[in-house]
Structure formats: structure tokens, C-alpha cells
C-alpha atoms as a PDB file:
ATOM      1  CA  UNK A   1      -7.299  -0.545   7.603  1.00  0.00           C
ATOM      2  CA  UNK A   2      -7.877  -2.557   4.648  1.00  0.00           C
ATOM      3  CA  UNK A   3      -5.581  -1.852   1.729  1.00  0.00           C
ATOM      4  CA  UNK A   4      -5.129  -2.735  -1.428  1.00  0.00           C
ATOM      5  CA  UNK A   5      -1.355  -2.148  -2.869  1.00  0.00           C
ATOM      6  CA  UNK A   6      -0.596  -1.538  -6.757  1.00  0.00           C
ATOM      7  CA  UNK A   7       2.329  -0.328  -8.888  1.00  0.00           C
ATOM      8  CA  UNK A   8       3.105   0.426 -12.135  1.00  0.00           C
ATOM      9  CA  UNK A   9       5.557  -1.916 -14.020  1.00  0.00           C
ATOM     10  CA  UNK A  10       8.758  -0.364 -13.509  1.00  0.00           C
ATOM     11  CA  UNK A  11      11.470  -1.731 -10.892  1.00  0.00           C
ATOM     12  CA  UNK A  12      11.114   1.435  -8.705  1.00  0.00           C
ATOM     13  CA  UNK A  13       7.564   1.191  -8.003  1.00  0.00           C
ATOM     14  CA  UNK A  14       7.121  -2.451  -7.756  1.00  0.00           C
ATOM     15  CA  UNK A  15      10.399  -2.612  -4.888  1.00  0.00           C
ATOM     16  CA  UNK A  16       8.284   0.435  -3.271  1.00  0.00           C
ATOM     17  CA  UNK A  17       5.310  -1.291  -3.592  1.00  0.00           C
ATOM     18  CA  UNK A  18       6.722  -4.582  -1.759  1.00  0.00           C
ATOM     19  CA  UNK A  19       7.912  -2.442   0.806  1.00  0.00           C
ATOM     20  CA  UNK A  20       4.753  -1.209   1.722  1.00  0.00           C
ATOM     21  CA  UNK A  21       3.142  -4.871   1.887  1.00  0.00           C
ATOM     22  CA  UNK A  22       6.214  -5.942   3.978  1.00  0.00           C
ATOM     23  CA  UNK A  23       5.750  -3.208   6.171  1.00  0.00           C
ATOM     24  CA  UNK A  24       2.070  -2.781   6.401  1.00  0.00           C
ATOM     25  CA  UNK A  25       1.506  -4.902   9.409  1.00  0.00           C
ATOM     26  CA  UNK A  26       3.630  -2.561  11.464  1.00  0.00           C
ATOM     27  CA  UNK A  27       1.985   0.009  10.115  1.00  0.00           C
ATOM     28  CA  UNK A  28      -1.595  -0.872  11.201  1.00  0.00           C
ATOM     29  CA  UNK A  29      -2.568  -1.928   7.929  1.00  0.00           C
ATOM     30  CA  UNK A  30      -3.897  -5.100   6.429  1.00  0.00           C
ATOM     31  CA  UNK A  31      -3.728  -5.956   3.022  1.00  0.00           C
ATOM     32  CA  UNK A  32      -5.840  -7.551   0.439  1.00  0.00           C
ATOM     33  CA  UNK A  33      -5.833  -9.178  -2.574  1.00  0.00           C
ATOM     34  CA  UNK A  34      -8.437  -7.920  -4.415  1.00  0.00           C
ATOM     35  CA  UNK A  35      -9.160  -3.810  -4.579  1.00  0.00           C
ATOM     36  CA  UNK A  36     -12.854  -3.977  -4.220  1.00  0.00           C
ATOM     37  CA  UNK A  37     -12.070  -5.598  -0.779  1.00  0.00           C
ATOM     38  CA  UNK A  38     -10.020  -2.477   0.688  1.00  0.00           C
ATOM     39  CA  UNK A  39     -10.866   0.687   2.256  1.00  0.00           C
ATOM     40  CA  UNK A  40      -7.991   2.680   0.283  1.00  0.00           C
ATOM     41  CA  UNK A  41      -6.135   1.363  -2.373  1.00  0.00           C
ATOM     42  CA  UNK A  42      -2.514   2.368  -2.577  1.00  0.00           C
ATOM     43  CA  UNK A  43      -0.693   2.959  -5.777  1.00  0.00           C
ATOM     44  CA  UNK A  44       2.634   3.669  -6.922  1.00  0.00           C
ATOM     45  CA  UNK A  45       2.906   4.515 -10.151  1.00  0.00           C
ATOM     46  CA  UNK A  46       1.564   7.430 -12.511  1.00  0.00           C
ATOM     47  CA  UNK A  47      -1.696   8.644 -13.634  1.00  0.00           C
ATOM     48  CA  UNK A  48      -2.603   5.638 -15.480  1.00  0.00           C
ATOM     49  CA  UNK A  49      -2.300   3.342 -12.812  1.00  0.00           C
ATOM     50  CA  UNK A  50      -4.377   5.618 -10.356  1.00  0.00           C
ATOM     51  CA  UNK A  51      -7.014   5.723 -13.718  1.00  0.00           C
ATOM     52  CA  UNK A  52      -7.542   1.945 -13.644  1.00  0.00           C
ATOM     53  CA  UNK A  53      -8.311   1.836  -9.826  1.00  0.00           C
ATOM     54  CA  UNK A  54     -10.218   4.954  -8.971  1.00  0.00           C
ATOM     55  CA  UNK A  55     -13.184   2.999 -10.891  1.00  0.00           C
ATOM     56  CA  UNK A  56     -13.661   1.072  -7.731  1.00  0.00           C
ATOM     57  CA  UNK A  57     -14.964   3.989  -6.037  1.00  0.00           C
ATOM     58  CA  UNK A  58     -12.436   3.549  -3.010  1.00  0.00           C
ATOM     59  CA  UNK A  59     -10.378   6.166  -2.102  1.00  0.00           C
ATOM     60  CA  UNK A  60      -6.960   5.985  -3.618  1.00  0.00           C
ATOM     61  CA  UNK A  61      -3.175   7.268  -2.244  1.00  0.00           C
ATOM     62  CA  UNK A  62      -1.431   7.809  -4.989  1.00  0.00           C
ATOM     63  CA  UNK A  63       2.514   7.783  -4.479  1.00  0.00           C
ATOM     64  CA  UNK A  64       4.188   9.592  -7.904  1.00  0.00           C
ATOM     65  CA  UNK A  65       6.341   6.870 -10.058  1.00  0.00           C
ATOM     66  CA  UNK A  66       5.237   8.169 -13.846  1.00  0.00           C
ATOM     67  CA  UNK A  67       6.926  10.640 -15.702  1.00  0.00           C
ATOM     68  CA  UNK A  68       3.934  13.392 -15.897  1.00  0.00           C
ATOM     69  CA  UNK A  69       1.735  12.233 -12.834  1.00  0.00           C
ATOM     70  CA  UNK A  70      -0.479  15.147 -12.574  1.00  0.00           C
ATOM     71  CA  UNK A  71      -3.287  13.449 -10.637  1.00  0.00           C
ATOM     72  CA  UNK A  72      -1.021  11.772  -7.894  1.00  0.00           C
ATOM     73  CA  UNK A  73       0.775  14.398  -5.417  1.00  0.00           C
ATOM     74  CA  UNK A  74       2.907  12.583  -3.112  1.00  0.00           C
ATOM     75  CA  UNK A  75       6.459  12.095  -3.888  1.00  0.00           C
ATOM     76  CA  UNK A  76       8.163   8.713  -2.867  1.00  0.00           C
ATOM     77  CA  UNK A  77      10.249  10.176  -0.107  1.00  0.00           C
ATOM     78  CA  UNK A  78       6.888  11.470   1.298  1.00  0.00           C
ATOM     79  CA  UNK A  79       5.265   8.117   1.219  1.00  0.00           C
ATOM     80  CA  UNK A  80       6.189   6.750   4.842  1.00  0.00           C
ATOM     81  CA  UNK A  81       4.754  10.099   6.097  1.00  0.00           C
ATOM     82  CA  UNK A  82       1.410   9.650   3.892  1.00  0.00           C
ATOM     83  CA  UNK A  83       0.967   6.364   5.065  1.00  0.00           C
ATOM     84  CA  UNK A  84       1.466   7.411   9.012  1.00  0.00           C
ATOM     85  CA  UNK A  85      -1.339  10.351   8.244  1.00  0.00           C
ATOM     86  CA  UNK A  86      -3.579   7.779   6.514  1.00  0.00           C
ATOM     87  CA  UNK A  87      -3.304   5.080   9.514  1.00  0.00           C
ATOM     88  CA  UNK A  88      -4.067   8.177  11.926  1.00  0.00           C
ATOM     89  CA  UNK A  89      -7.389   9.455   9.935  1.00  0.00           C
ATOM     90  CA  UNK A  90      -5.279  12.788   9.040  1.00  0.00           C
ATOM     91  CA  UNK A  91      -6.473  13.175   5.866  1.00  0.00           C
ATOM     92  CA  UNK A  92      -9.102  14.793   3.361  1.00  0.00           C
ATOM     93  CA  UNK A  93     -10.384  13.280   0.389  1.00  0.00           C
ATOM     94  CA  UNK A  94     -11.204  14.854  -2.863  1.00  0.00           C
ATOM     95  CA  UNK A  95     -13.978  13.739  -4.155  1.00  0.00           C
ATOM     96  CA  UNK A  96     -14.050  13.788  -8.136  1.00  0.00           C
ATOM     97  CA  UNK A  97     -17.366  12.754 -10.100  1.00  0.00           C
ATOM     98  CA  UNK A  98     -17.038   9.540 -11.763  1.00  0.00           C
ATOM     99  CA  UNK A  99     -18.653   8.794 -15.293  1.00  0.00           C
ATOM    100  CA  UNK A 100     -20.990   6.169 -15.152  1.00  0.00           C
ATOM    101  CA  UNK A 101     -20.695   4.396 -18.321  1.00  0.00           C
ATOM    102  CA  UNK A 102     -23.017   1.700 -19.849  1.00  0.00           C
ATOM    103  CA  UNK A 103     -22.584  -0.304 -23.150  1.00  0.00           C
ATOM    104  CA  UNK A 104     -24.110  -3.308 -24.669  1.00  0.00           C
ATOM    105  CA  UNK A 105     -25.483  -4.240 -20.818  1.00  0.00           C
ATOM    106  CA  UNK A 106     -22.343  -3.776 -19.009  1.00  0.00           C
ATOM    107  CA  UNK A 107     -21.295  -0.565 -17.054  1.00  0.00           C
ATOM    108  CA  UNK A 108     -18.207   0.930 -16.301  1.00  0.00           C
ATOM    109  CA  UNK A 109     -17.238   4.014 -13.961  1.00  0.00           C
ATOM    110  CA  UNK A 110     -14.553   6.501 -15.548  1.00  0.00           C
ATOM    111  CA  UNK A 111     -12.665   9.613 -14.187  1.00  0.00           C
ATOM    112  CA  UNK A 112     -12.692  12.965 -16.042  1.00  0.00           C
ATOM    113  CA  UNK A 113     -13.383  11.484 -19.398  1.00  0.00           C
ATOM    114  CA  UNK A 114     -14.828   8.578 -21.923  1.00  0.00           C
ATOM    115  CA  UNK A 115     -13.753   8.367 -25.842  1.00  0.00           C
ATOM    116  CA  UNK A 116     -15.871   6.392 -27.659  1.00  0.00           C
ATOM    117  CA  UNK A 117     -13.884   5.266 -30.797  1.00  0.00           C
ATOM    118  CA  UNK A 118     -14.769   4.452 -34.225  1.00  0.00           C
ATOM    119  CA  UNK A 119     -14.810   3.533 -37.569  1.00  0.00           C
ATOM    120  CA  UNK A 120     -15.097   6.466 -39.820  1.00  0.00           C
ATOM    121  CA  UNK A 121     -18.003   4.721 -41.816  1.00  0.00           C
ATOM    122  CA  UNK A 122     -20.143   4.837 -38.527  1.00  0.00           C
ATOM    123  CA  UNK A 123     -22.453   6.968 -36.442  1.00  0.00           C
ATOM    124  CA  UNK A 124     -22.137   7.273 -32.943  1.00  0.00           C
ATOM    125  CA  UNK A 125     -25.446   7.206 -30.867  1.00  0.00           C
ATOM    126  CA  UNK A 126     -25.421   7.976 -27.525  1.00  0.00           C
ATOM    127  CA  UNK A 127     -27.453   9.381 -24.257  1.00  0.00           C
ATOM    128  CA  UNK A 128     -26.337  11.416 -21.850  1.00  0.00           C
ATOM    129  CA  UNK A 129     -28.082  11.848 -18.808  1.00  0.00           C
ATOM    130  CA  UNK A 130     -27.196  14.234 -16.075  1.00  0.00           C
ATOM    131  CA  UNK A 131     -29.353  15.121 -12.959  1.00  0.00           C
ATOM    132  CA  UNK A 132     -32.676  13.725 -14.360  1.00  0.00           C
ATOM    133  CA  UNK A 133     -32.262  14.889 -17.897  1.00  0.00           C
ATOM    134  CA  UNK A 134     -31.202  13.016 -20.849  1.00  0.00           C
ATOM    135  CA  UNK A 135     -29.742  14.070 -24.189  1.00  0.00           C
ATOM    136  CA  UNK A 136     -29.867  11.899 -27.288  1.00  0.00           C
ATOM    137  CA  UNK A 137     -26.570  12.221 -29.013  1.00  0.00           C
ATOM    138  CA  UNK A 138     -26.252  11.147 -32.965  1.00  0.00           C
ATOM    139  CA  UNK A 139     -22.991  12.016 -34.701  1.00  0.00           C
ATOM    140  CA  UNK A 140     -22.177  10.724 -38.222  1.00  0.00           C
ATOM    141  CA  UNK A 141     -18.352  10.800 -38.965  1.00  0.00           C
ATOM    142  CA  UNK A 142     -18.290  13.251 -41.606  1.00  0.00           C
ATOM    143  CA  UNK A 143     -15.004  12.077 -43.056  1.00  0.00           C
ATOM    144  CA  UNK A 144     -15.179   9.593 -46.160  1.00  0.00           C
ATOM    145  CA  UNK A 145     -11.950   8.547 -45.754  1.00  0.00           C
ATOM    146  CA  UNK A 146     -12.858   6.091 -42.908  1.00  0.00           C
ATOM    147  CA  UNK A 147     -10.088   7.245 -40.836  1.00  0.00           C
ATOM    148  CA  UNK A 148     -11.127   6.517 -37.246  1.00  0.00           C
ATOM    149  CA  UNK A 149     -13.092   9.016 -35.130  1.00  0.00           C
ATOM    150  CA  UNK A 150     -13.698   9.689 -31.756  1.00  0.00           C
ATOM    151  CA  UNK A 151     -16.510  11.548 -29.518  1.00  0.00           C
ATOM    152  CA  UNK A 152     -15.386  12.525 -26.253  1.00  0.00           C
ATOM    153  CA  UNK A 153     -17.486  12.976 -22.674  1.00  0.00           C
ATOM    154  CA  UNK A 154     -15.888  14.137 -20.133  1.00  0.00           C
ATOM    155  CA  UNK A 155     -16.289  15.920 -16.981  1.00  0.00           C
ATOM    156  CA  UNK A 156     -14.869  19.500 -17.268  1.00  0.00           C
ATOM    157  CA  UNK A 157     -11.837  20.047 -15.019  1.00  0.00           C
ATOM    158  CA  UNK A 158      -8.042  21.744 -15.226  1.00  0.00           C
ATOM    159  CA  UNK A 159      -7.334  17.396 -15.136  1.00  0.00           C
ATOM    160  CA  UNK A 160      -9.077  16.672 -17.842  1.00  0.00           C
ATOM    161  CA  UNK A 161      -7.596  16.150 -21.257  1.00  0.00           C
ATOM    162  CA  UNK A 162     -11.214  15.906 -22.615  1.00  0.00           C
ATOM    163  CA  UNK A 163     -11.978  19.260 -21.894  1.00  0.00           C
ATOM    164  CA  UNK A 164      -8.430  20.427 -23.417  1.00  0.00           C
ATOM    165  CA  UNK A 165      -8.787  18.463 -26.498  1.00  0.00           C
ATOM    166  CA  UNK A 166     -12.518  18.800 -26.778  1.00  0.00           C
ATOM    167  CA  UNK A 167     -12.897  22.821 -25.966  1.00  0.00           C
ATOM    168  CA  UNK A 168     -15.852  24.423 -26.043  1.00  0.00           C
ATOM    169  CA  UNK A 169     -16.830  22.302 -29.404  1.00  0.00           C
ATOM    170  CA  UNK A 170     -20.620  20.594 -28.901  1.00  0.00           C
ATOM    171  CA  UNK A 171     -20.841  22.176 -24.925  1.00  0.00           C
ATOM    172  CA  UNK A 172     -24.237  21.036 -23.956  1.00  0.00           C
ATOM    173  CA  UNK A 173     -26.260  24.095 -22.033  1.00  0.00           C
ATOM    174  CA  UNK A 174     -24.875  22.503 -18.664  1.00  0.00           C
ATOM    175  CA  UNK A 175     -22.331  24.366 -16.770  1.00  0.00           C
ATOM    176  CA  UNK A 176     -19.730  22.222 -15.592  1.00  0.00           C
ATOM    177  CA  UNK A 177     -19.386  19.019 -15.728  1.00  0.00           C
ATOM    178  CA  UNK A 178     -20.254  18.078 -19.017  1.00  0.00           C
ATOM    179  CA  UNK A 179     -18.579  18.599 -22.531  1.00  0.00           C
ATOM    180  CA  UNK A 180     -18.819  16.577 -25.570  1.00  0.00           C
ATOM    181  CA  UNK A 181     -16.568  17.246 -28.471  1.00  0.00           C
ATOM    182  CA  UNK A 182     -15.577  16.013 -31.792  1.00  0.00           C
END
């Protein structure tokens, strides 16, 4: 099994990640230097570290080293056991939908939400497609103070910050997964 190992910038997480890399051979894993070459990505960090790597569409095993870490479930002391289960194939992959975002010809994958941040004087024009239907959105920021605005698009789940921030404002006639909010 080919793995890519990443850590957040903290001495504890980096040390933990180094230990995984050092012991990977004895555990039956081969470490690779690029995430896109891995069968599994292992992150030692928090939600932010995890979110950097879900865009590859490769299963991620997250080991908690963040302050809040709501998306990661494995505590550091359970990490070795989780790795052994991973090698044996004794795990379940929780699949979450990813949002595909195209902006100025470039495509990105996003987990849970996308926020479009803009100057207060701008108008946002976006197209949202889901299951073959497209919704065109045109929003002008109504505040004349030139304060920054935000348009959030999120997959509705209990883990979605956008779902919590946007509430039901501007929800389109789809049952989950989408909500648009000011």
C-alpha cells in the first residue's frame, strides 16, 4: 500500500508523521512523495490539514492533532492500531460528496463548502449544477459601504460550516445537498 504522510506545522504532529514514515516499511507500507501517487493519505493534524488533502479524491486517514478536529476521529494514541487495521483492510471508507468548482477555466475540488469572497461593489455571477440541472445565480452585494461580501455554497451536513452560517437563506428547491446563502 502506497501512502503519503502529511502533518500540520506543530512539533508533535511533525514528530508523529516522521515516526509513521520511519516505520512504514515494517508496517507493509511504501511512502510516496506526492499525494496523487498514494493509495491512502495519512494526515497528522487538524481539520485544516485534512481539508488540504481531500481535494485529491484519495481516502484520508486523519489522526487528531488539532484544537477542534471535528472531522478527524483517530486519537494519536490509537494511531498505530488504526494503521494496522488500514494495512489489513479492516476499515470502512466514509464517502462525502465533493464540490467541483470551476473558476476562470481552472477546476478545483472542495469539501463541504465554497465561499466566494468579493469586494462590496461587485456582483457575483455563478452557475450551480446538480444532477443535470443548472441554476444561474446573480447576486449584487447590497451594502454600499464597500465592505467585503460572501456567497457560500455548501453541502448540507452537520459538519458544514456553510450550512451552519448560511442556514436556510436562499436554499434552492433541492433536498440536501445544496444551500446558497448570503
